[in-house]
C-alpha atoms as a PDB file:
ATOM      1  CA  MET A   1     -83.989  -2.877  26.778  1.00  0.00           C
ATOM      2  CA  GLY A   2     -83.104  -1.834  23.272  1.00  0.00           C
ATOM      3  CA  GLU A   3     -84.650  -3.473  20.258  1.00  0.00           C
ATOM      4  CA  GLU A   4     -82.701  -6.528  19.040  1.00  0.00           C
ATOM      5  CA  ARG A   5     -81.508  -6.447  15.447  1.00  0.00           C
ATOM      6  CA  ASP A   6     -80.754  -9.352  13.169  1.00  0.00           C
ATOM      7  CA  SER A   7     -77.109  -9.758  12.157  1.00  0.00           C
ATOM      8  CA  PRO A   8     -76.508  -8.862   8.490  1.00  0.00           C
ATOM      9  CA  GLU A   9     -75.738 -11.622   6.021  1.00  0.00           C
ATOM     10  CA  PRO A  10     -72.165 -11.731   4.640  1.00  0.00           C
ATOM     11  CA  SER A  11     -73.467 -10.771   1.194  1.00  0.00           C
ATOM     12  CA  GLN A  12     -74.812  -7.518   2.689  1.00  0.00           C
ATOM     13  CA  LEU A  13     -71.527  -6.553   4.300  1.00  0.00           C
ATOM     14  CA  LYS A  14     -68.864  -4.154   3.093  1.00  0.00           C
ATOM     15  CA  LEU A  15     -65.206  -4.487   3.912  1.00  0.00           C
ATOM     16  CA  GLY A  16     -64.134  -1.772   6.314  1.00  0.00           C
ATOM     17  CA  ALA A  17     -67.355  -1.965   8.320  1.00  0.00           C
ATOM     18  CA  PRO A  18     -67.039  -1.807  12.118  1.00  0.00           C
ATOM     19  CA  VAL A  19     -65.890  -5.056  13.648  1.00  0.00           C
ATOM     20  CA  GLY A  20     -68.524  -6.866  15.688  1.00  0.00           C
ATOM     21  CA  ILE A  21     -68.235  -9.858  17.996  1.00  0.00           C
ATOM     22  CA  VAL A  22     -65.657 -12.482  17.145  1.00  0.00           C
ATOM     23  CA  ASP A  23     -68.147 -14.887  15.560  1.00  0.00           C
ATOM     24  CA  GLY A  24     -70.201 -12.202  13.806  1.00  0.00           C
ATOM     25  CA  PRO A  25     -70.574 -12.082   9.989  1.00  0.00           C
ATOM     26  CA  VAL A  26     -68.169  -9.172   9.568  1.00  0.00           C
ATOM     27  CA  GLU A  27     -65.470 -10.862  11.608  1.00  0.00           C
ATOM     28  CA  GLN A  28     -65.990 -14.149   9.749  1.00  0.00           C
ATOM     29  CA  LEU A  29     -65.456 -12.325   6.468  1.00  0.00           C
ATOM     30  CA  ARG A  30     -62.276 -10.702   7.798  1.00  0.00           C
ATOM     31  CA  ILE A  31     -60.975 -14.059   9.016  1.00  0.00           C
ATOM     32  CA  VAL A  32     -61.401 -15.667   5.583  1.00  0.00           C
ATOM     33  CA  GLU A  33     -59.809 -12.644   3.904  1.00  0.00           C
ATOM     34  CA  ALA A  34     -56.805 -12.833   6.234  1.00  0.00           C
ATOM     35  CA  LEU A  35     -56.369 -16.579   5.765  1.00  0.00           C
ATOM     36  CA  LEU A  36     -56.384 -16.278   1.984  1.00  0.00           C
ATOM     37  CA  PHE A  37     -54.058 -13.272   2.005  1.00  0.00           C
ATOM     38  CA  ALA A  38     -51.471 -14.971   4.225  1.00  0.00           C
ATOM     39  CA  ALA A  39     -51.610 -18.416   2.592  1.00  0.00           C
ATOM     40  CA  ALA A  40     -48.565 -19.486   0.585  1.00  0.00           C
ATOM     41  CA  GLU A  41     -50.751 -21.673  -1.638  1.00  0.00           C
ATOM     42  CA  PRO A  42     -54.460 -21.898  -2.551  1.00  0.00           C
ATOM     43  CA  LEU A  43     -56.766 -23.051   0.263  1.00  0.00           C
ATOM     44  CA  ASP A  44     -59.722 -25.392  -0.078  1.00  0.00           C
ATOM     45  CA  GLU A  45     -63.065 -24.723   1.581  1.00  0.00           C
ATOM     46  CA  THR A  46     -62.482 -27.418   4.191  1.00  0.00           C
ATOM     47  CA  ALA A  47     -59.360 -25.660   5.480  1.00  0.00           C
ATOM     48  CA  LEU A  48     -61.178 -22.321   5.575  1.00  0.00           C
ATOM     49  CA  ALA A  49     -64.254 -23.735   7.320  1.00  0.00           C
ATOM     50  CA  GLU A  50     -62.089 -25.220  10.080  1.00  0.00           C
ATOM     51  CA  ARG A  51     -61.137 -21.674  11.180  1.00  0.00           C
ATOM     52  CA  LEU A  52     -64.711 -20.381  11.277  1.00  0.00           C
ATOM     53  CA  PRO A  53     -67.473 -20.835  13.870  1.00  0.00           C
ATOM     54  CA  ARG A  54     -69.906 -23.662  13.262  1.00  0.00           C
ATOM     55  CA  GLY A  55     -72.743 -22.612  10.986  1.00  0.00           C
ATOM     56  CA  ALA A  56     -70.790 -19.899   9.173  1.00  0.00           C
ATOM     57  CA  ASP A  57     -71.953 -19.442   5.574  1.00  0.00           C
ATOM     58  CA  LEU A  58     -68.559 -19.881   3.897  1.00  0.00           C
ATOM     59  CA  LYS A  59     -69.884 -19.870   0.329  1.00  0.00           C
ATOM     60  CA  SER A  60     -71.642 -16.527   0.893  1.00  0.00           C
ATOM     61  CA  ILE A  61     -68.464 -15.115   2.457  1.00  0.00           C
ATOM     62  CA  LEU A  62     -66.361 -16.201  -0.513  1.00  0.00           C
ATOM     63  CA  MET A  63     -68.850 -14.746  -2.982  1.00  0.00           C
ATOM     64  CA  THR A  64     -68.813 -11.448  -1.050  1.00  0.00           C
ATOM     65  CA  LEU A  65     -65.011 -11.287  -1.126  1.00  0.00           C
ATOM     66  CA  GLN A  66     -64.903 -12.295  -4.793  1.00  0.00           C
ATOM     67  CA  ALA A  67     -67.339  -9.517  -5.723  1.00  0.00           C
ATOM     68  CA  PHE A  68     -65.446  -6.937  -3.648  1.00  0.00           C
ATOM     69  CA  TYR A  69     -62.075  -7.769  -5.227  1.00  0.00           C
ATOM     70  CA  ALA A  70     -63.422  -8.164  -8.780  1.00  0.00           C
ATOM     71  CA  SER A  71     -62.513  -4.567  -9.713  1.00  0.00           C
ATOM     72  CA  ARG A  72     -59.365  -4.281  -7.621  1.00  0.00           C
ATOM     73  CA  GLY A  73     -55.680  -4.952  -8.309  1.00  0.00           C
ATOM     74  CA  VAL A  74     -55.966  -8.482  -6.970  1.00  0.00           C
ATOM     75  CA  ASN A  75     -58.850 -10.856  -7.576  1.00  0.00           C
ATOM     76  CA  LEU A  76     -60.121 -13.768  -5.531  1.00  0.00           C
ATOM     77  CA  VAL A  77     -60.201 -16.724  -7.922  1.00  0.00           C
ATOM     78  CA  ARG A  78     -60.931 -20.430  -7.713  1.00  0.00           C
ATOM     79  CA  VAL A  79     -58.180 -22.658  -9.103  1.00  0.00           C
ATOM     80  CA  ALA A  80     -58.056 -26.447  -8.951  1.00  0.00           C
ATOM     81  CA  GLY A  81     -61.024 -26.402  -6.591  1.00  0.00           C
ATOM     82  CA  LYS A  82     -59.252 -24.069  -4.138  1.00  0.00           C
ATOM     83  CA  TRP A  83     -59.274 -20.311  -3.467  1.00  0.00           C
ATOM     84  CA  ALA A  84     -56.445 -17.803  -3.797  1.00  0.00           C
ATOM     85  CA  PHE A  85     -55.696 -14.159  -4.508  1.00  0.00           C
ATOM     86  CA  ARG A  86     -54.208 -13.510  -7.939  1.00  0.00           C
ATOM     87  CA  THR A  87     -53.045 -10.346  -9.692  1.00  0.00           C
ATOM     88  CA  ALA A  88     -55.772  -8.933 -11.927  1.00  0.00           C
ATOM     89  CA  ASP A  89     -55.246 -10.069 -15.516  1.00  0.00           C
ATOM     90  CA  ASP A  90     -55.122  -6.522 -16.914  1.00  0.00           C
ATOM     91  CA  LEU A  91     -52.300  -5.586 -14.514  1.00  0.00           C
ATOM     92  CA  SER A  92     -50.117  -8.666 -14.901  1.00  0.00           C
ATOM     93  CA  PHE A  93     -47.870  -6.859 -17.419  1.00  0.00           C
ATOM     94  CA  LEU A  94     -46.742  -4.481 -14.666  1.00  0.00           C
ATOM     95  CA  LEU A  95     -45.146  -7.356 -12.778  1.00  0.00           C
ATOM     96  CA  HIS A  96     -43.420  -8.806 -15.802  1.00  0.00           C
ATOM     97  CA  ARG A  97     -39.990  -7.418 -14.901  1.00  0.00           C
ATOM     98  CA  GLU A  98     -40.282  -8.611 -11.315  1.00  0.00           C
ATOM     99  CA  THR A  99     -40.829 -12.245 -12.211  1.00  0.00           C
ATOM    100  CA  THR A 100     -38.255 -14.851 -13.112  1.00  0.00           C
ATOM    101  CA  GLU A 101     -38.186 -15.579 -16.827  1.00  0.00           C
ATOM    102  CA  GLU A 102     -38.958 -19.243 -17.363  1.00  0.00           C
ATOM    103  CA  ARG A 103     -37.782 -21.368 -20.253  1.00  0.00           C
ATOM    104  CA  LYS A 104     -40.541 -22.275 -22.661  1.00  0.00           C
ATOM    105  CA  LEU A 105     -41.438 -25.906 -23.138  1.00  0.00           C
ATOM    106  CA  SER A 106     -40.563 -27.504 -26.442  1.00  0.00           C
ATOM    107  CA  ARG A 107     -43.327 -28.238 -28.903  1.00  0.00           C
ATOM    108  CA  ALA A 108     -42.873 -31.936 -28.178  1.00  0.00           C
ATOM    109  CA  ALA A 109     -43.413 -31.308 -24.446  1.00  0.00           C
ATOM    110  CA  LEU A 110     -46.460 -29.117 -25.066  1.00  0.00           C
ATOM    111  CA  GLU A 111     -48.011 -31.718 -27.356  1.00  0.00           C
ATOM    112  CA  THR A 112     -47.334 -34.450 -24.800  1.00  0.00           C
ATOM    113  CA  LEU A 113     -48.851 -32.338 -22.013  1.00  0.00           C
ATOM    114  CA  ALA A 114     -51.963 -31.622 -24.090  1.00  0.00           C
ATOM    115  CA  ILE A 115     -52.438 -35.304 -24.946  1.00  0.00           C
ATOM    116  CA  VAL A 116     -52.203 -36.324 -21.301  1.00  0.00           C
ATOM    117  CA  ALA A 117     -54.604 -33.546 -20.249  1.00  0.00           C
ATOM    118  CA  TYR A 118     -57.308 -34.592 -22.712  1.00  0.00           C
ATOM    119  CA  HIS A 119     -56.773 -38.370 -22.794  1.00  0.00           C
ATOM    120  CA  GLN A 120     -55.720 -39.241 -19.220  1.00  0.00           C
ATOM    121  CA  PRO A 121     -55.094 -41.835 -17.994  1.00  0.00           C
ATOM    122  CA  VAL A 122     -52.680 -42.496 -20.848  1.00  0.00           C
ATOM    123  CA  THR A 123     -49.479 -44.510 -21.290  1.00  0.00           C
ATOM    124  CA  ARG A 124     -46.346 -43.493 -23.147  1.00  0.00           C
ATOM    125  CA  ALA A 125     -47.222 -45.872 -25.995  1.00  0.00           C
ATOM    126  CA  GLU A 126     -50.672 -44.297 -26.285  1.00  0.00           C
ATOM    127  CA  ILE A 127     -49.129 -40.812 -26.355  1.00  0.00           C
ATOM    128  CA  GLU A 128     -46.851 -41.928 -29.190  1.00  0.00           C
ATOM    129  CA  GLU A 129     -49.792 -43.418 -31.097  1.00  0.00           C
ATOM    130  CA  ILE A 130     -51.700 -40.123 -30.881  1.00  0.00           C
ATOM    131  CA  ARG A 131     -48.679 -37.942 -31.747  1.00  0.00           C
ATOM    132  CA  GLY A 132     -47.495 -40.272 -34.485  1.00  0.00           C
ATOM    133  CA  VAL A 133     -43.876 -40.099 -33.280  1.00  0.00           C
ATOM    134  CA  THR A 134     -41.864 -41.555 -30.423  1.00  0.00           C
ATOM    135  CA  VAL A 135     -41.597 -39.573 -27.203  1.00  0.00           C
ATOM    136  CA  ALA A 136     -38.281 -39.185 -25.449  1.00  0.00           C
ATOM    137  CA  LYS A 137     -38.208 -40.286 -21.832  1.00  0.00           C
ATOM    138  CA  GLY A 138     -36.677 -36.916 -20.997  1.00  0.00           C
ATOM    139  CA  THR A 139     -39.793 -35.123 -22.253  1.00  0.00           C
ATOM    140  CA  ILE A 140     -42.035 -36.944 -19.802  1.00  0.00           C
ATOM    141  CA  ASP A 141     -39.437 -36.628 -17.033  1.00  0.00           C
ATOM    142  CA  LEU A 142     -39.422 -32.839 -17.526  1.00  0.00           C
ATOM    143  CA  LEU A 143     -43.205 -32.657 -17.209  1.00  0.00           C
ATOM    144  CA  LEU A 144     -43.066 -34.803 -14.084  1.00  0.00           C
ATOM    145  CA  GLU A 145     -40.403 -32.511 -12.605  1.00  0.00           C
ATOM    146  CA  THR A 146     -42.544 -29.416 -13.228  1.00  0.00           C
ATOM    147  CA  GLY A 147     -45.272 -31.060 -11.161  1.00  0.00           C
ATOM    148  CA  TRP A 148     -47.809 -30.856 -13.993  1.00  0.00           C
ATOM    149  CA  LEU A 149     -47.895 -34.611 -14.636  1.00  0.00           C
ATOM    150  CA  ARG A 150     -48.081 -37.507 -12.190  1.00  0.00           C
ATOM    151  CA  ILE A 151     -47.910 -41.279 -12.402  1.00  0.00           C
ATOM    152  CA  ARG A 152     -51.417 -42.597 -11.737  1.00  0.00           C
ATOM    153  CA  GLY A 153     -50.859 -46.360 -11.793  1.00  0.00           C
ATOM    154  CA  ARG A 154     -50.168 -49.132 -14.284  1.00  0.00           C
ATOM    155  CA  ARG A 155     -52.187 -50.446 -17.198  1.00  0.00           C
ATOM    156  CA  LYS A 156     -53.409 -54.018 -16.809  1.00  0.00           C
ATOM    157  CA  VAL A 157     -51.643 -55.256 -19.930  1.00  0.00           C
ATOM    158  CA  PRO A 158     -48.393 -57.169 -20.547  1.00  0.00           C
ATOM    159  CA  GLY A 159     -45.472 -55.050 -19.407  1.00  0.00           C
ATOM    160  CA  ARG A 160     -47.657 -53.059 -16.979  1.00  0.00           C
ATOM    161  CA  PRO A 161     -46.814 -49.620 -18.455  1.00  0.00           C
ATOM    162  CA  VAL A 162     -47.376 -46.656 -16.171  1.00  0.00           C
ATOM    163  CA  THR A 163     -50.325 -44.343 -16.790  1.00  0.00           C
ATOM    164  CA  PHE A 164     -50.020 -40.575 -16.572  1.00  0.00           C
ATOM    165  CA  GLY A 165     -52.421 -37.848 -15.491  1.00  0.00           C
ATOM    166  CA  THR A 166     -52.367 -34.140 -14.665  1.00  0.00           C
ATOM    167  CA  THR A 167     -52.056 -32.565 -11.206  1.00  0.00           C
ATOM    168  CA  PRO A 168     -53.618 -29.653  -9.290  1.00  0.00           C
ATOM    169  CA  ALA A 169     -50.405 -27.732 -10.063  1.00  0.00           C
ATOM    170  CA  PHE A 170     -51.267 -28.022 -13.777  1.00  0.00           C
ATOM    171  CA  LEU A 171     -54.695 -26.480 -13.123  1.00  0.00           C
ATOM    172  CA  ASP A 172     -53.165 -23.760 -10.949  1.00  0.00           C
ATOM    173  CA  HIS A 173     -50.545 -22.784 -13.547  1.00  0.00           C
ATOM    174  CA  PHE A 174     -53.069 -22.520 -16.384  1.00  0.00           C
ATOM    175  CA  GLY A 175     -55.740 -20.837 -14.237  1.00  0.00           C
ATOM    176  CA  LEU A 176     -58.279 -23.672 -14.454  1.00  0.00           C
ATOM    177  CA  ASP A 177     -60.743 -24.571 -11.728  1.00  0.00           C
ATOM    178  CA  ALA A 178     -61.254 -28.082 -13.128  1.00  0.00           C
ATOM    179  CA  ILE A 179     -59.892 -30.144 -16.009  1.00  0.00           C
ATOM    180  CA  ALA A 180     -63.305 -29.863 -17.681  1.00  0.00           C
ATOM    181  CA  ASP A 181     -62.557 -26.141 -18.194  1.00  0.00           C
ATOM    182  CA  LEU A 182     -60.072 -27.013 -20.962  1.00  0.00           C
ATOM    183  CA  PRO A 183     -61.244 -25.639 -24.330  1.00  0.00           C
ATOM    184  CA  GLY A 184     -63.555 -27.834 -26.370  1.00  0.00           C
ATOM    185  CA  LEU A 185     -63.791 -28.309 -30.126  1.00  0.00           C
ATOM    186  CA  ASP A 186     -65.665 -25.047 -30.804  1.00  0.00           C
ATOM    187  CA  ASP A 187     -63.255 -23.078 -28.610  1.00  0.00           C
ATOM    188  CA  LEU A 188     -60.228 -24.519 -30.396  1.00  0.00           C
ATOM    189  CA  LYS A 189     -61.736 -23.715 -33.803  1.00  0.00           C
ATOM    190  CA  ALA A 190     -62.541 -20.153 -32.750  1.00  0.00           C
ATOM    191  CA  ALA A 191     -58.959 -19.678 -31.566  1.00  0.00           C
ATOM    192  CA  GLY A 192     -57.653 -20.843 -34.943  1.00  0.00           C
ATOM    193  CA  MET A 193     -55.850 -23.811 -33.427  1.00  0.00           C
ATOM    194  CA  LEU A 194     -57.620 -26.387 -35.607  1.00  0.00           C
ATOM    195  CA  ASP A 195     -57.767 -26.669 -39.364  1.00  0.00           C
ATOM    196  CA  GLY A 196     -61.204 -25.937 -40.769  1.00  0.00           C
ATOM    197  CA  ARG A 197     -61.016 -29.095 -42.912  1.00  0.00           C
ATOM    198  CA  LEU A 198     -61.381 -31.651 -40.136  1.00  0.00           C
ATOM    199  CA  PRO A 199     -62.512 -35.242 -40.695  1.00  0.00           C
ATOM    200  CA  PRO A 200     -66.284 -35.714 -40.217  1.00  0.00           C
ATOM    201  CA  ASN A 201     -65.736 -37.973 -37.195  1.00  0.00           C
ATOM    202  CA  PHE A 202     -63.145 -35.731 -35.531  1.00  0.00           C
ATOM    203  CA  ARG A 203     -63.876 -34.911 -31.900  1.00  0.00           C
ATOM    204  CA  VAL A 204     -62.098 -33.543 -28.846  1.00  0.00           C
ATOM    205  CA  PRO A 205     -62.388 -35.909 -25.877  1.00  0.00           C
ATOM    206  CA  VAL A 206     -64.081 -34.695 -22.707  1.00  0.00           C
ATOM    207  CA  PRO A 207     -61.182 -34.603 -20.224  1.00  0.00           C
ATOM    208  CA  SER A 208     -61.383 -36.125 -16.750  1.00  0.00           C
ATOM    209  CA  ASP A 209     -58.773 -36.164 -13.996  1.00  0.00           C
ATOM    210  CA  ASP A 210     -60.619 -38.411 -11.561  1.00  0.00           C
ATOM    211  CA  VAL A 211     -58.018 -39.515  -9.000  1.00  0.00           C
ATOM    212  CA  GLY A 212     -59.526 -42.986  -8.715  1.00  0.00           C
ATOM    213  CA  LEU A 213     -57.975 -45.770 -10.778  1.00  0.00           C
ATOM    214  CA  ARG A 214     -60.078 -47.104 -13.644  1.00  0.00           C
ATOM    215  CA  ASP A 215     -60.956 -50.719 -14.305  1.00  0.00           C
ATOM    216  CA  ASP A 216     -57.985 -51.133 -16.666  1.00  0.00           C
ATOM    217  CA  GLU A 217     -55.519 -49.660 -14.142  1.00  0.00           C
ATOM    218  CA  GLU A 218     -53.860 -51.043 -11.045  1.00  0.00           C
ATOM    219  CA  PRO A 219     -51.705 -49.415  -8.336  1.00  0.00           C
ATOM    220  CA  ASP A 220     -48.063 -48.660  -9.107  1.00  0.00           C
ATOM    221  CA  ASP A 221     -46.646 -51.129  -6.595  1.00  0.00           C
ATOM    222  CA  GLY A 222     -43.665 -52.551  -8.430  1.00  0.00           C
ATOM    223  CA  PRO A 223     -40.860 -51.832 -10.909  1.00  0.00           C
ATOM    224  CA  GLU A 224     -41.673 -51.490 -14.568  1.00  0.00           C
ATOM    225  CA  LEU A 225     -40.674 -54.521 -16.620  1.00  0.00           C
ATOM    226  CA  ASP A 226     -37.537 -53.981 -18.674  1.00  0.00           C
ATOM    227  CA  PHE A 227     -37.421 -55.699 -22.050  1.00  0.00           C
ATOM    228  CA  GLY A 228     -33.817 -54.613 -22.686  1.00  0.00           C
ATOM    229  CA  LEU A 229     -34.745 -52.068 -25.333  1.00  0.00           C
ATOM    230  CA  PRO A 230     -32.505 -48.996 -25.682  1.00  0.00           C
ATOM    231  CA  PRO A 231     -34.107 -45.587 -25.058  1.00  0.00           C
ATOM    232  CA  VAL A 232     -35.554 -44.024 -28.189  1.00  0.00           C
ATOM    233  CA  PRO A 233     -34.908 -40.311 -28.817  1.00  0.00           C
ATOM    234  CA  ASP A 234     -37.859 -38.055 -29.431  1.00  0.00           C
ATOM    235  CA  GLN A 235     -38.177 -37.669 -33.197  1.00  0.00           C
ATOM    236  CA  GLU A 236     -39.806 -34.274 -32.793  1.00  0.00           C
ATOM    237  CA  SER A 237     -37.785 -32.720 -29.997  1.00  0.00           C
ATOM    238  CA  ARG A 238     -37.697 -29.013 -30.724  1.00  0.00           C
END
């Protein structure tokens, strides 16, 4: 009988190698590659693992694929805790004419989105307090329609105002793996987005998008109380 050889680890494999048995390391790598290539949306590791034999080293397979595609026209990236192929950043300009031109958000919408991202869970009144101006209902409705914001629950205060948070679609659109990847104070200063003369106690909150409700929140299980106040237009709609 011939000498038995140990199967190579996924990290030692190269794409294009001869295909072995169906549950071998090479075939496992090809399966994951095919699943990610054919998926219409990013896949999480649970969904990928369900299609592999028990004991498959999924993390090593993903690292192998990520390293292989790092210098190619598409890259394997992790967004919102899931995996997907994306066009390499340095080639994205080539596809510019093939994409649908999207309308830019107003400054009011961008400011509202940023406040929710960093301060979530946050109510409309709290957004207005931070911005210093009233926020039009249409601004929040637009962000909800894009799928970047969601209603988390209701604040345990009189009136039970709804609380807002970001969604996985927000992370996917901005290329973030987690909400904690948002730029911090030093990053914002380096990008010139903050004035150098900041108050001594100024800080950028550490964002969290934990899906669980906090102690001051309760489920959104009823209509919002209406105090008969007319809608207020956004004073900074641009």
